[in-house]
Amino acid sequence: DSLNINNQSQNIKTDNSYADIEFSKILEKATDNLNSTQLKAYDSMEAIATGKVDNLQEAVMNIDKAELSLKLGLEMKTKTINAYREIIKMQV
């Protein structure tokens, strides 16, 4: 989820070992976190729809959290693609 992504980025900034961390691993972990957040939200939606929800407030928070995480993920994708395009344009 987005909170975990923020915590990961803070850990990376304070670690100062950028060479030891592969971008693909960071991206893979962020994608896994996003996926688990989405799955949790789908479970919450199903529980609400079937009337099997124990805590409605928590279920709605899970759905909102998943929506925000997805928006963050899409924005990160856009920024990454734009950065890649800028790098490709550079002359070496």
N, C-alpha and C. Protein backbone atom coordinates (compact mmCIF):
# COMPACT_ATOMS: atom_id res chain seq x y z
N ASP A 1 0.82 -1.18 0.00
CA ASP A 1 0.00 0.00 0.00
C ASP A 1 0.86 1.24 0.00
N SER A 2 0.23 2.41 -0.16
CA SER A 2 1.00 3.64 -0.33
C SER A 2 1.83 3.97 0.89
N LEU A 3 1.33 3.62 2.09
CA LEU A 3 2.10 3.87 3.29
C LEU A 3 3.38 3.05 3.29
N ASN A 4 3.30 1.80 2.86
CA ASN A 4 4.50 0.97 2.77
C ASN A 4 5.47 1.51 1.74
N ILE A 5 4.96 2.01 0.64
CA ILE A 5 5.82 2.59 -0.39
C ILE A 5 6.55 3.80 0.17
N ASN A 6 5.84 4.64 0.91
CA ASN A 6 6.47 5.80 1.52
C ASN A 6 7.54 5.38 2.52
N ASN A 7 7.25 4.37 3.32
CA ASN A 7 8.23 3.88 4.28
C ASN A 7 9.45 3.31 3.57
N GLN A 8 9.23 2.60 2.47
CA GLN A 8 10.35 2.05 1.71
C GLN A 8 11.22 3.15 1.16
N SER A 9 10.60 4.19 0.62
CA SER A 9 11.39 5.27 0.05
C SER A 9 12.16 6.02 1.13
N GLN A 10 11.60 6.14 2.33
CA GLN A 10 12.32 6.78 3.42
C GLN A 10 13.51 5.92 3.83
N ASN A 11 13.32 4.60 3.88
CA ASN A 11 14.42 3.71 4.23
C ASN A 11 15.53 3.79 3.20
N ILE A 12 15.17 3.89 1.95
CA ILE A 12 16.16 3.98 0.88
C ILE A 12 16.95 5.28 1.00
N LYS A 13 16.26 6.37 1.31
CA LYS A 13 16.93 7.67 1.41
C LYS A 13 17.93 7.69 2.56
N THR A 14 17.58 7.06 3.67
CA THR A 14 18.48 7.11 4.82
C THR A 14 19.56 6.04 4.74
N ASP A 15 19.37 5.05 3.89
CA ASP A 15 20.31 3.94 3.78
C ASP A 15 21.59 4.35 3.04
N ASN A 16 21.47 5.22 2.07
CA ASN A 16 22.61 5.70 1.27
C ASN A 16 23.32 4.60 0.51
N SER A 17 22.67 3.51 0.21
CA SER A 17 23.28 2.43 -0.57
C SER A 17 22.47 2.22 -1.84
N TYR A 18 22.35 3.26 -2.64
CA TYR A 18 21.56 3.19 -3.87
C TYR A 18 22.08 2.13 -4.83
N ALA A 19 23.37 1.89 -4.84
CA ALA A 19 23.95 0.92 -5.76
C ALA A 19 23.53 -0.50 -5.42
N ASP A 20 23.18 -0.74 -4.16
CA ASP A 20 22.81 -2.07 -3.72
C ASP A 20 21.35 -2.41 -4.02
N ILE A 21 20.55 -1.43 -4.36
CA ILE A 21 19.12 -1.64 -4.56
C ILE A 21 18.80 -1.50 -6.05
N GLU A 22 18.23 -2.55 -6.60
CA GLU A 22 17.84 -2.52 -8.00
C GLU A 22 16.47 -1.87 -8.13
N PHE A 23 16.34 -1.00 -9.13
CA PHE A 23 15.07 -0.33 -9.37
C PHE A 23 13.96 -1.35 -9.61
N SER A 24 14.30 -2.42 -10.30
CA SER A 24 13.28 -3.44 -10.60
C SER A 24 12.74 -4.08 -9.33
N LYS A 25 13.59 -4.25 -8.32
CA LYS A 25 13.14 -4.84 -7.05
C LYS A 25 12.21 -3.89 -6.31
N ILE A 26 12.54 -2.60 -6.33
CA ILE A 26 11.68 -1.61 -5.69
C ILE A 26 10.33 -1.57 -6.39
N LEU A 27 10.37 -1.58 -7.71
CA LEU A 27 9.15 -1.55 -8.50
C LEU A 27 8.31 -2.81 -8.28
N GLU A 28 8.97 -3.96 -8.21
CA GLU A 28 8.27 -5.22 -7.99
C GLU A 28 7.57 -5.22 -6.62
N LYS A 29 8.26 -4.75 -5.59
CA LYS A 29 7.66 -4.73 -4.26
C LYS A 29 6.49 -3.75 -4.20
N ALA A 30 6.64 -2.59 -4.84
CA ALA A 30 5.56 -1.61 -4.87
C ALA A 30 4.34 -2.18 -5.60
N THR A 31 4.59 -2.89 -6.69
CA THR A 31 3.50 -3.50 -7.45
C THR A 31 2.80 -4.59 -6.63
N ASP A 32 3.57 -5.38 -5.92
CA ASP A 32 2.98 -6.41 -5.05
C ASP A 32 2.12 -5.78 -3.95
N ASN A 33 2.62 -4.69 -3.36
CA ASN A 33 1.85 -4.00 -2.32
C ASN A 33 0.56 -3.42 -2.89
N LEU A 34 0.65 -2.85 -4.08
CA LEU A 34 -0.54 -2.30 -4.74
C LEU A 34 -1.55 -3.41 -5.01
N ASN A 35 -1.07 -4.54 -5.49
CA ASN A 35 -1.96 -5.66 -5.79
C ASN A 35 -2.65 -6.17 -4.52
N SER A 36 -1.92 -6.31 -3.44
CA SER A 36 -2.54 -6.81 -2.21
C SER A 36 -3.56 -5.82 -1.66
N THR A 37 -3.30 -4.54 -1.82
CA THR A 37 -4.27 -3.52 -1.40
C THR A 37 -5.54 -3.61 -2.23
N GLN A 38 -5.38 -3.82 -3.53
CA GLN A 38 -6.54 -3.96 -4.41
C GLN A 38 -7.36 -5.21 -4.06
N LEU A 39 -6.68 -6.31 -3.80
CA LEU A 39 -7.38 -7.54 -3.44
C LEU A 39 -8.15 -7.39 -2.13
N LYS A 40 -7.54 -6.70 -1.18
CA LYS A 40 -8.21 -6.44 0.10
C LYS A 40 -9.46 -5.60 -0.12
N ALA A 41 -9.37 -4.63 -1.02
CA ALA A 41 -10.53 -3.78 -1.32
C ALA A 41 -11.63 -4.59 -2.00
N TYR A 42 -11.26 -5.48 -2.92
CA TYR A 42 -12.27 -6.32 -3.57
C TYR A 42 -12.98 -7.20 -2.54
N ASP A 43 -12.22 -7.74 -1.59
CA ASP A 43 -12.84 -8.54 -0.53
C ASP A 43 -13.80 -7.70 0.31
N SER A 44 -13.41 -6.47 0.58
CA SER A 44 -14.27 -5.56 1.35
C SER A 44 -15.54 -5.24 0.57
N MET A 45 -15.41 -5.00 -0.74
CA MET A 45 -16.59 -4.72 -1.57
C MET A 45 -17.53 -5.91 -1.60
N GLU A 46 -16.96 -7.09 -1.70
CA GLU A 46 -17.79 -8.30 -1.71
C GLU A 46 -18.52 -8.47 -0.38
N ALA A 47 -17.82 -8.21 0.71
CA ALA A 47 -18.43 -8.33 2.03
C ALA A 47 -19.57 -7.33 2.21
N ILE A 48 -19.38 -6.12 1.70
CA ILE A 48 -20.44 -5.12 1.78
C ILE A 48 -21.64 -5.54 0.93
N ALA A 49 -21.37 -6.02 -0.27
CA ALA A 49 -22.45 -6.41 -1.19
C ALA A 49 -23.26 -7.59 -0.68
N THR A 50 -22.59 -8.50 0.00
CA THR A 50 -23.29 -9.70 0.50
C THR A 50 -23.82 -9.52 1.92
N GLY A 51 -23.52 -8.39 2.52
CA GLY A 51 -23.99 -8.13 3.89
C GLY A 51 -23.20 -8.87 4.95
N LYS A 52 -22.03 -9.36 4.61
CA LYS A 52 -21.21 -10.12 5.55
C LYS A 52 -20.09 -9.28 6.17
N VAL A 53 -20.23 -7.97 6.08
CA VAL A 53 -19.19 -7.08 6.60
C VAL A 53 -19.36 -6.94 8.12
N ASP A 54 -18.25 -7.06 8.84
CA ASP A 54 -18.28 -6.91 10.29
C ASP A 54 -18.10 -5.45 10.69
N ASN A 55 -17.22 -4.77 9.99
CA ASN A 55 -16.91 -3.38 10.32
C ASN A 55 -16.99 -2.57 9.03
N LEU A 56 -18.09 -1.88 8.85
CA LEU A 56 -18.33 -1.13 7.62
C LEU A 56 -17.29 -0.02 7.42
N GLN A 57 -16.94 0.65 8.50
CA GLN A 57 -15.96 1.74 8.40
C GLN A 57 -14.61 1.22 7.91
N GLU A 58 -14.19 0.08 8.42
CA GLU A 58 -12.92 -0.50 7.98
C GLU A 58 -12.98 -0.93 6.51
N ALA A 59 -14.11 -1.47 6.11
CA ALA A 59 -14.27 -1.89 4.71
C ALA A 59 -14.20 -0.69 3.77
N VAL A 60 -14.85 0.39 4.13
CA VAL A 60 -14.82 1.60 3.31
C VAL A 60 -13.41 2.17 3.28
N MET A 61 -12.71 2.14 4.41
CA MET A 61 -11.33 2.62 4.44
C MET A 61 -10.43 1.78 3.54
N ASN A 62 -10.65 0.47 3.51
CA ASN A 62 -9.87 -0.40 2.62
C ASN A 62 -10.10 -0.03 1.15
N ILE A 63 -11.33 0.28 0.82
CA ILE A 63 -11.65 0.66 -0.56
C ILE A 63 -11.01 2.00 -0.90
N ASP A 64 -11.11 2.96 0.00
CA ASP A 64 -10.48 4.28 -0.23
C ASP A 64 -8.97 4.17 -0.33
N LYS A 65 -8.39 3.34 0.51
CA LYS A 65 -6.94 3.12 0.50
C LYS A 65 -6.50 2.53 -0.83
N ALA A 66 -7.27 1.59 -1.33
CA ALA A 66 -6.95 0.97 -2.62
C ALA A 66 -7.07 1.98 -3.76
N GLU A 67 -8.07 2.84 -3.69
CA GLU A 67 -8.24 3.86 -4.73
C GLU A 67 -7.06 4.82 -4.74
N LEU A 68 -6.64 5.27 -3.57
CA LEU A 68 -5.50 6.19 -3.49
C LEU A 68 -4.21 5.50 -3.93
N SER A 69 -4.04 4.25 -3.54
CA SER A 69 -2.84 3.51 -3.95
C SER A 69 -2.78 3.35 -5.45
N LEU A 70 -3.91 3.07 -6.06
CA LEU A 70 -3.96 2.92 -7.52
C LEU A 70 -3.63 4.25 -8.21
N LYS A 71 -4.18 5.34 -7.70
CA LYS A 71 -3.88 6.65 -8.27
C LYS A 71 -2.38 6.95 -8.16
N LEU A 72 -1.80 6.64 -7.00
CA LEU A 72 -0.36 6.86 -6.81
C LEU A 72 0.44 5.99 -7.78
N GLY A 73 0.04 4.73 -7.92
CA GLY A 73 0.73 3.83 -8.85
C GLY A 73 0.66 4.32 -10.28
N LEU A 74 -0.49 4.80 -10.69
CA LEU A 74 -0.65 5.31 -12.06
C LEU A 74 0.19 6.57 -12.27
N GLU A 75 0.25 7.42 -11.26
CA GLU A 75 1.06 8.64 -11.37
C GLU A 75 2.55 8.28 -11.44
N MET A 76 2.96 7.29 -10.66
CA MET A 76 4.35 6.84 -10.71
C MET A 76 4.69 6.27 -12.09
N LYS A 77 3.75 5.52 -12.66
CA LYS A 77 3.96 4.96 -14.00
C LYS A 77 4.15 6.07 -15.01
N THR A 78 3.29 7.07 -14.94
CA THR A 78 3.37 8.19 -15.87
C THR A 78 4.70 8.92 -15.73
N LYS A 79 5.11 9.19 -14.50
CA LYS A 79 6.37 9.89 -14.27
C LYS A 79 7.56 9.06 -14.76
N THR A 80 7.51 7.75 -14.54
CA THR A 80 8.59 6.88 -14.97
C THR A 80 8.70 6.85 -16.50
N ILE A 81 7.57 6.75 -17.17
CA ILE A 81 7.58 6.75 -18.64
C ILE A 81 8.09 8.07 -19.17
N ASN A 82 7.66 9.18 -18.57
CA ASN A 82 8.14 10.49 -19.01
C ASN A 82 9.65 10.63 -18.80
N ALA A 83 10.15 10.14 -17.67
CA ALA A 83 11.59 10.20 -17.41
C ALA A 83 12.34 9.35 -18.42
N TYR A 84 11.82 8.18 -18.75
CA TYR A 84 12.43 7.30 -19.73
C TYR A 84 12.50 8.00 -21.10
N ARG A 85 11.41 8.65 -21.47
CA ARG A 85 11.37 9.36 -22.76
C ARG A 85 12.39 10.48 -22.81
N GLU A 86 12.57 11.17 -21.69
CA GLU A 86 13.56 12.24 -21.63
C GLU A 86 14.98 11.69 -21.75
N ILE A 87 15.21 10.56 -21.12
CA ILE A 87 16.54 9.93 -21.20
C ILE A 87 16.84 9.49 -22.64
N ILE A 88 15.83 8.93 -23.30
CA ILE A 88 16.00 8.48 -24.69
C ILE A 88 16.34 9.67 -25.60
N LYS A 89 15.78 10.84 -25.32
CA LYS A 89 16.02 12.03 -26.14
C LYS A 89 17.44 12.58 -25.97
N MET A 90 18.09 12.25 -24.86
CA MET A 90 19.43 12.80 -24.59
C MET A 90 20.42 12.29 -25.61
N GLN A 91 21.30 13.17 -26.01
CA GLN A 91 22.37 12.76 -26.91
C GLN A 91 23.59 12.42 -26.09
N VAL A 92 24.24 11.35 -26.46
CA VAL A 92 25.39 10.88 -25.69
C VAL A 92 26.68 11.32 -26.36
